[in-house]
Protein backbone atom coordinates (compact mmCIF):
# COMPACT_ATOMS: atom_id res chain seq x y z
CA ASP A 1 69.48 119.98 79.80
CA THR A 2 73.11 122.12 79.05
CA VAL A 3 74.37 121.95 75.86
CA THR A 4 77.53 120.26 76.17
CA ILE A 5 78.93 120.48 72.46
CA ILE A 6 78.73 123.61 71.08
CA ASN A 7 81.00 124.45 67.61
CA TYR A 8 81.85 127.82 66.78
CA PRO A 9 84.61 129.98 65.21
CA LYS A 10 87.44 130.94 67.70
CA CYS A 11 88.10 133.77 65.41
CA PHE A 12 86.40 135.88 62.86
CA THR A 13 86.81 138.48 60.28
CA PRO A 14 84.09 141.33 59.99
CA ASN A 15 86.28 142.72 56.72
CA GLY A 16 82.80 142.82 54.80
CA ASP A 17 84.44 140.07 52.34
CA GLY A 18 81.50 137.40 53.01
CA LYS A 19 83.39 134.88 54.36
CA ASN A 20 83.81 134.81 58.33
CA ASP A 21 82.23 138.54 58.64
CA ARG A 22 80.12 137.12 62.00
CA TRP A 23 80.92 135.23 64.92
CA ASN A 24 78.11 132.81 65.08
CA ILE A 25 77.06 130.28 67.38
CA PRO A 26 74.67 128.03 65.73
CA ASN A 27 71.69 126.35 67.51
CA LEU A 28 72.16 128.12 70.84
CA ASP A 29 68.62 129.53 70.38
CA LEU A 30 67.58 126.03 71.05
CA ALA A 31 68.89 126.03 74.69
CA GLU A 32 66.15 128.52 76.32
CA GLY A 33 67.23 131.05 78.50
CA ALA A 34 70.98 130.80 77.56
CA VAL A 35 72.76 134.24 77.63
CA VAL A 36 75.93 135.15 75.83
CA GLN A 37 78.03 138.20 76.31
CA VAL A 38 81.20 139.07 75.01
CA PHE A 39 83.78 141.27 76.91
CA ASP A 40 86.51 143.95 75.81
CA ARG A 41 89.99 143.54 77.70
CA ALA A 42 88.62 146.47 80.34
CA GLY A 43 85.75 143.90 81.05
CA GLN A 44 82.92 146.25 79.53
CA VAL A 45 80.23 143.94 78.00
CA VAL A 46 80.33 144.75 74.04
CA PHE A 47 77.63 142.23 72.66
CA ASN A 48 74.78 140.52 74.48
CA ALA A 49 72.38 137.93 73.05
CA THR A 50 69.70 135.94 75.04
CA ASN A 51 67.40 133.28 73.72
CA THR A 52 68.15 134.32 70.04
CA ALA A 53 70.37 133.02 67.50
CA VAL A 54 73.84 134.03 68.47
CA THR A 55 75.23 136.57 65.50
CA TRP A 56 77.71 139.37 66.34
CA ASP A 57 79.41 141.65 63.39
CA GLY A 58 82.29 142.75 65.86
CA ASN A 59 80.93 145.98 66.37
CA PHE A 60 79.76 148.11 69.32
CA GLN A 61 77.40 150.66 69.45
CA GLY A 62 77.55 151.23 65.43
CA ASN A 63 81.46 151.48 65.89
CA PRO A 64 84.20 148.75 64.53
CA LEU A 65 85.79 147.40 67.08
CA PRO A 66 89.55 146.60 67.19
CA THR A 67 91.24 143.70 66.39
CA GLY A 68 92.06 141.94 69.46
CA VAL A 69 91.32 139.31 71.95
CA TYR A 70 87.49 139.13 73.55
CA ILE A 71 86.21 137.20 76.37
CA TYR A 72 83.12 135.18 75.80
CA LEU A 73 80.38 133.57 78.81
CA ILE A 74 77.91 131.68 78.16
CA ARG A 75 75.38 131.09 80.90
CA PHE A 76 72.76 128.40 80.60
CA ARG A 77 69.36 128.01 82.52
CA ASP A 78 70.63 125.44 84.69
CA GLY A 79 73.87 127.53 85.83
CA TYR A 80 76.17 125.46 83.91
CA VAL A 81 78.96 128.35 82.81
CA MET A 82 81.48 128.34 79.61
CA LYS A 83 83.71 130.92 78.91
CA GLY A 84 86.59 131.35 76.40
CA GLN A 85 88.82 133.57 74.33
CA LEU A 86 87.69 134.71 70.94
CA THR A 87 89.99 136.72 68.55
CA LEU A 88 88.60 139.45 66.29
CA LEU A 89 90.78 140.37 63.25
CA ARG A 90 90.30 143.52 60.82
């Protein structure tokens, strides 16, 4: 079954203060086969998670990404797709 209600922050601040440092989607690991991708403005995948708890620190290849709006895409095994925007603030 597709997850119809997902609560997650639309903004996060990975600045190391221990508050809102990661973008998390709690319990998405319960949706077997879900794939989460985050894209930058150029369309490059900067985060990818499959069959796991989703938690992103705002880095790509070990480097902090700049402040900005990123696009997320969540694909569920039954074909349902969720997409939206996410803001990373430094």
